[in-house]
Amino acid sequence: MGVSKSEDEFDVFREVVDVLIEVFSNVRYMRFLSDSEKRLLLDGIDCAASPVFKREIRGYPQSPLVYHVASFLTMLMLTGHCPTEQTPRYEMFEEGSYHNQRITAIEFVRQELIGAAGLWKQWTVSQKAYKLNHILSRLRRRGFLDLLQLRNTTGSVDRVLVPRHRLIEACQELNNPPSKLTVCGRALDKHTIRDSSGWWGQVSGTEEKKNEDGLNKVNQILDDAMWINIHELPGSIPTLEVRTAQGHGVRFDYEPLRFRGFVEPHQTEGWLNRYRH
C-alpha cells in the first residue's frame, strides 16, 4: 500500500518541527528574537502530545507555538499556500496598507521554500536548519509575527505570541481568595448583564460552575479567533487582544501575564447605550 498525500505531508511537517526546534535552540540563529522569546516558541514542547498540524487561519495557535510555525511553512513548501494569505480584513480594526505587505512577505517565503523543496530530502538536519534560519531571518521580526497570525495596527507592538496554555493558566487565577471564583468566572458573570443577544450565556450555580463556564467561553473565543493583536497606549502595559469574527473577545496584560477580561463587539458610539449589546 502506498503512502497517502496526507501522510507524506504530516511526515514533512514533523521533520520541519524537528528542524525548527534546532533553529529556535541555536543562539546563532533568529537573532531578531531574544533568548526568552525563542523559549516562548518552544514552551510546552516537553509535555505536548502528538503535534497538531494547523491548516486554517481560524483559531489561536495551540501550544507549543513551534507546531504552528511548522504547519504554515510545511504548507508553503508543499502547496505554495498557507492560511496567512487568507487573513481577513475587518472594518472596525484597520490595518491600512499592511495587509498587502503581509502578502508580499508570504510570497517571499513561498518562493524560497518551493525552491528548497526539491533538495529538502537530500539535506542534513544542519543544512535544513541553516535554510530555515535564512528564510525566517530575511522575514525579520515583523514578517515572522505574521506567521503567528499577529495583526499590525496603529499602536501594535512587535511581541511574540503568548503560548495558549499560559493564557489558560492566567484565566484560572483566583479572583479574591479565599473565594474559589476565578478571574474568568467573575468576568463572565459581569458580561452577562450587558448582553441582550445571549451570546455570553447565563451564569448561575456554584463557583465551580461559574469557573467552568468562564473557561469554556475563553476556549470558545480562542478556538474561533480571527483577530489577534498585541498593542499598547502611551504609558500603558502591552495588551494581548483576541477576538472572533463577530467581535467577541478576551484581553490579557502581556507582561506580567494577567487576565484582563472579556470584551464586547466594537460599537460606533457604543456609549449611547452604555455598551449594552
Protein backbone atom coordinates (compact mmCIF):
# COMPACT_ATOMS: atom_id res chain seq x y z
CA MET A 1 0.00 0.00 0.00
CA GLY A 2 1.40 3.42 -0.98
CA VAL A 3 1.81 6.41 1.31
CA SER A 4 -1.08 8.87 1.04
CA LYS A 5 -0.57 12.54 0.30
CA SER A 6 -1.75 13.48 3.80
CA GLU A 7 0.67 11.01 5.41
CA ASP A 8 3.55 12.38 3.35
CA GLU A 9 2.55 15.93 4.31
CA PHE A 10 2.46 15.04 8.00
CA ASP A 11 5.87 13.38 7.75
CA VAL A 12 7.33 16.57 6.28
CA PHE A 13 5.56 18.59 8.97
CA ARG A 14 7.10 16.53 11.76
CA GLU A 15 10.50 16.92 10.16
CA VAL A 16 10.04 20.70 9.91
CA VAL A 17 9.10 20.72 13.62
CA ASP A 18 12.38 18.98 14.49
CA VAL A 19 14.37 21.39 12.32
CA LEU A 20 12.67 24.43 13.85
CA ILE A 21 13.43 23.15 17.34
CA GLU A 22 17.07 23.11 16.24
CA VAL A 23 16.74 26.66 14.87
CA PHE A 24 15.00 28.09 17.94
CA SER A 25 17.52 26.40 20.25
CA ASN A 26 20.58 27.76 18.45
CA VAL A 27 21.89 31.06 19.87
CA ARG A 28 23.38 31.92 16.46
CA TYR A 29 20.03 31.71 14.68
CA MET A 30 16.99 34.03 14.67
CA ARG A 31 18.92 36.90 16.19
CA PHE A 32 15.98 39.26 15.81
CA LEU A 33 14.42 37.34 18.73
CA SER A 34 15.70 37.29 22.29
CA ASP A 35 16.51 34.01 24.02
CA SER A 36 13.37 34.37 26.17
CA GLU A 37 11.24 34.85 23.04
CA LYS A 38 12.70 31.73 21.47
CA ARG A 39 11.84 29.84 24.65
CA LEU A 40 8.24 31.01 24.26
CA LEU A 41 8.13 29.32 20.86
CA LEU A 42 9.18 26.02 22.44
CA ASP A 43 7.24 26.41 25.68
CA GLY A 44 5.22 23.24 26.29
CA ILE A 45 7.20 21.02 23.92
CA ASP A 46 8.18 18.60 26.70
CA CYS A 47 4.60 17.83 27.70
CA ALA A 48 2.90 18.16 24.30
CA ALA A 49 1.00 15.25 22.82
CA SER A 50 1.10 14.42 19.12
CA PRO A 51 1.96 17.52 17.03
CA VAL A 52 -1.07 19.49 15.84
CA PHE A 53 -0.99 20.46 12.16
CA LYS A 54 -2.88 23.76 11.80
CA ARG A 55 -4.48 24.13 8.37
CA GLU A 56 -6.68 27.21 8.74
CA ILE A 57 -6.46 30.84 9.82
CA ARG A 58 -9.28 30.48 12.34
CA GLY A 59 -8.21 29.83 15.91
CA TYR A 60 -5.50 30.91 18.32
CA PRO A 61 -2.39 28.74 17.81
CA GLN A 62 -2.15 25.68 20.04
CA SER A 63 0.88 25.11 22.27
CA PRO A 64 3.74 24.86 21.56
CA LEU A 65 3.99 27.65 19.01
CA VAL A 66 6.68 25.81 17.06
CA TYR A 67 3.93 23.48 15.76
CA HIS A 68 2.06 26.45 14.36
CA VAL A 69 5.09 27.87 12.54
CA ALA A 70 5.94 24.41 11.20
CA SER A 71 2.38 23.94 9.90
CA PHE A 72 2.43 27.10 7.80
CA LEU A 73 5.97 26.53 6.50
CA THR A 74 5.11 22.95 5.51
CA MET A 75 2.03 24.08 3.60
CA LEU A 76 4.02 26.75 1.78
CA MET A 77 6.69 24.23 0.85
CA LEU A 78 4.31 21.54 -0.41
CA THR A 79 1.37 23.55 -1.81
CA GLY A 80 2.68 27.09 -2.26
CA HIS A 81 -0.04 28.45 0.01
CA CYS A 82 -0.74 28.92 3.71
CA PRO A 83 -3.63 30.31 5.81
CA THR A 84 -1.86 33.65 6.41
CA GLU A 85 -2.78 34.56 2.82
CA GLN A 86 -6.46 34.39 3.79
CA THR A 87 -6.11 36.81 6.72
CA PRO A 88 -9.46 38.66 6.60
CA ARG A 89 -9.88 42.41 6.87
CA TYR A 90 -12.25 43.99 9.38
CA GLU A 91 -13.65 47.48 9.01
CA MET A 92 -13.53 48.26 12.72
CA PHE A 93 -9.89 47.15 13.08
CA GLU A 94 -7.93 48.85 10.33
CA GLU A 95 -4.50 47.61 9.29
CA GLY A 96 -4.20 50.10 6.45
CA SER A 97 -1.82 49.02 3.70
CA TYR A 98 -0.12 46.44 5.90
CA HIS A 99 -2.32 43.65 4.52
CA ASN A 100 -0.50 43.98 1.19
CA GLN A 101 2.89 43.94 2.93
CA ARG A 102 1.89 40.71 4.66
CA ILE A 103 1.06 39.07 1.34
CA THR A 104 4.41 40.22 -0.07
CA ALA A 105 6.26 38.69 2.88
CA ILE A 106 4.44 35.38 2.48
CA GLU A 107 5.21 35.38 -1.24
CA PHE A 108 8.92 35.67 -0.43
CA VAL A 109 8.73 32.67 1.92
CA ARG A 110 6.76 30.70 -0.67
CA GLN A 111 9.38 31.25 -3.36
CA GLU A 112 12.22 30.30 -1.03
CA LEU A 113 10.53 27.13 0.23
CA ILE A 114 9.39 25.95 -3.18
CA GLY A 115 12.97 26.36 -4.34
CA ALA A 116 14.16 24.29 -1.38
CA ALA A 117 11.54 21.54 -1.72
CA GLY A 118 13.44 19.64 -4.40
CA LEU A 119 16.55 19.36 -2.25
CA TRP A 120 14.88 19.01 1.14
CA LYS A 121 15.18 15.23 1.44
CA GLN A 122 18.84 15.30 0.43
CA TRP A 123 19.90 17.85 3.03
CA THR A 124 21.16 17.09 6.52
CA VAL A 125 19.34 18.49 9.56
CA SER A 126 22.02 21.17 9.87
CA GLN A 127 21.56 22.21 6.25
CA LYS A 128 17.78 22.37 6.68
CA ALA A 129 18.17 24.43 9.85
CA TYR A 130 20.52 26.81 8.04
CA LYS A 131 17.99 27.24 5.23
CA LEU A 132 15.00 27.87 7.50
CA ASN A 133 17.01 30.30 9.59
CA HIS A 134 17.99 32.13 6.39
CA ILE A 135 14.34 32.41 5.30
CA LEU A 136 12.99 33.49 8.70
CA SER A 137 15.84 35.95 9.22
CA ARG A 138 15.04 37.57 5.88
CA LEU A 139 11.45 37.97 7.09
CA ARG A 140 12.79 39.68 10.19
CA ARG A 141 10.70 40.27 13.27
CA ARG A 142 7.50 41.68 11.78
CA GLY A 143 7.28 39.12 9.00
CA PHE A 144 7.81 36.30 11.47
CA LEU A 145 4.95 37.63 13.60
CA ASP A 146 2.72 37.41 10.52
CA LEU A 147 3.28 33.65 10.58
CA LEU A 148 1.95 33.70 14.17
CA GLN A 149 -1.23 35.45 12.94
CA LEU A 150 -0.48 38.70 14.76
CA ARG A 151 -2.10 41.82 13.33
CA ASN A 152 -0.34 45.14 12.78
CA THR A 153 -2.34 48.28 13.55
CA THR A 154 -1.64 51.72 14.96
CA GLY A 155 -0.45 51.01 18.50
CA SER A 156 0.66 47.43 17.79
CA VAL A 157 3.88 46.30 19.43
CA ASP A 158 6.01 43.57 17.90
CA ARG A 159 5.95 40.94 20.65
CA VAL A 160 5.96 37.16 20.28
CA LEU A 161 2.63 35.47 20.91
CA VAL A 162 1.93 34.03 24.37
CA PRO A 163 1.51 30.22 24.30
CA ARG A 164 -2.13 29.24 24.64
CA HIS A 165 -1.64 27.09 27.74
CA ARG A 166 -0.20 30.14 29.53
CA LEU A 167 -3.36 32.09 28.75
CA ILE A 168 -5.48 29.31 30.24
CA GLU A 169 -3.36 29.33 33.39
CA ALA A 170 -3.87 33.09 33.72
CA CYS A 171 -7.65 32.63 33.42
CA GLN A 172 -7.63 30.20 36.35
CA GLU A 173 -6.13 32.62 38.86
CA LEU A 174 -8.41 33.20 41.84
CA ASN A 175 -10.30 36.49 41.76
CA ASN A 176 -10.41 37.16 45.50
CA PRO A 177 -9.05 34.38 47.75
CA PRO A 178 -10.15 32.54 49.80
CA SER A 179 -13.13 32.52 47.42
CA LYS A 180 -12.66 29.83 44.74
CA LEU A 181 -14.12 32.03 42.00
CA THR A 182 -11.57 32.54 39.22
CA VAL A 183 -10.92 35.76 37.35
CA CYS A 184 -12.59 34.47 34.18
CA GLY A 185 -15.56 33.11 36.12
CA ARG A 186 -16.07 36.53 37.68
CA ALA A 187 -15.62 38.32 34.35
CA LEU A 188 -18.26 36.20 32.61
CA ASP A 189 -20.70 36.96 35.42
CA LYS A 190 -20.23 40.69 34.70
CA HIS A 191 -20.69 40.35 30.94
CA THR A 192 -24.00 38.53 31.00
CA ILE A 193 -25.51 41.68 32.49
CA ARG A 194 -24.52 43.76 29.43
CA ASP A 195 -25.56 41.22 26.83
CA SER A 196 -29.04 41.11 25.32
CA SER A 197 -28.07 38.74 22.50
CA GLY A 198 -27.49 35.72 24.71
CA TRP A 199 -24.01 35.13 23.30
CA TRP A 200 -22.33 35.13 26.71
CA GLY A 201 -24.94 32.74 28.11
CA GLN A 202 -26.44 32.69 31.59
CA VAL A 203 -24.21 32.49 34.64
CA SER A 204 -25.56 30.75 37.72
CA GLY A 205 -24.78 27.97 40.13
CA THR A 206 -21.75 27.27 42.25
CA GLU A 207 -18.37 28.98 41.98
CA GLU A 208 -17.07 25.80 40.36
CA LYS A 209 -19.81 26.00 37.69
CA LYS A 210 -19.09 29.69 37.05
CA ASN A 211 -15.39 28.91 36.68
CA GLU A 212 -16.18 26.15 34.20
CA ASP A 213 -18.48 28.42 32.18
CA GLY A 214 -15.89 31.20 32.15
CA LEU A 215 -13.10 28.92 30.96
CA ASN A 216 -15.36 27.37 28.32
CA LYS A 217 -16.09 30.85 26.97
CA VAL A 218 -12.37 31.69 26.85
CA ASN A 219 -11.69 28.48 24.91
CA GLN A 220 -14.58 29.22 22.56
CA ILE A 221 -13.09 32.63 21.76
CA LEU A 222 -9.60 31.18 21.29
CA ASP A 223 -10.92 28.37 19.07
CA ASP A 224 -12.81 30.84 16.86
CA ALA A 225 -10.23 33.64 16.95
CA MET A 226 -9.87 35.66 13.76
CA TRP A 227 -8.18 38.73 15.23
CA ILE A 228 -5.04 38.58 17.39
CA ASN A 229 -3.21 41.78 18.27
CA ILE A 230 -0.71 42.98 20.86
CA HIS A 231 -0.99 46.73 21.32
CA GLU A 232 -0.40 49.45 23.86
CA LEU A 233 -1.27 53.04 24.59
CA PRO A 234 1.41 55.51 25.75
CA GLY A 235 2.37 54.72 29.32
CA SER A 236 0.29 51.55 29.49
CA ILE A 237 1.11 47.84 29.65
CA PRO A 238 1.03 45.96 26.32
CA THR A 239 -2.30 44.19 25.87
CA LEU A 240 -2.98 40.94 24.04
CA GLU A 241 -6.42 41.07 22.46
CA VAL A 242 -8.12 38.11 20.82
CA ARG A 243 -11.47 38.40 19.02
CA THR A 244 -13.80 36.22 16.98
CA ALA A 245 -15.09 37.29 13.56
CA GLN A 246 -18.18 38.68 15.31
CA GLY A 247 -16.04 40.79 17.66
CA HIS A 248 -16.46 38.95 20.97
CA GLY A 249 -13.11 38.74 22.67
CA VAL A 250 -10.78 38.47 25.61
CA ARG A 251 -7.86 40.61 26.79
CA PHE A 252 -4.69 39.91 28.74
CA ASP A 253 -1.91 42.09 30.10
CA TYR A 254 1.13 40.87 28.17
CA GLU A 255 3.85 41.20 30.80
CA PRO A 256 3.41 40.22 33.50
CA LEU A 257 0.72 38.00 32.01
CA ARG A 258 -2.68 38.66 33.58
CA PHE A 259 -6.27 38.05 32.51
CA ARG A 260 -7.94 41.42 31.94
CA GLY A 261 -11.45 40.43 30.98
CA PHE A 262 -13.88 39.78 28.17
CA VAL A 263 -14.66 42.39 25.53
CA GLU A 264 -17.82 43.09 23.58
CA PRO A 265 -18.01 43.55 19.81
CA HIS A 266 -16.88 47.04 18.84
CA GLN A 267 -19.70 49.58 18.53
CA THR A 268 -19.53 53.01 16.99
CA GLU A 269 -20.83 55.39 19.69
CA GLY A 270 -21.41 52.44 21.99
CA TRP A 271 -21.56 54.85 24.93
CA LEU A 272 -25.05 55.88 23.80
CA ASN A 273 -26.47 52.60 25.09
CA ARG A 274 -23.89 52.16 27.88
CA TYR A 275 -22.21 49.45 25.81
CA ARG A 276 -25.09 47.02 26.17
CA HIS A 277 -25.47 44.55 23.31
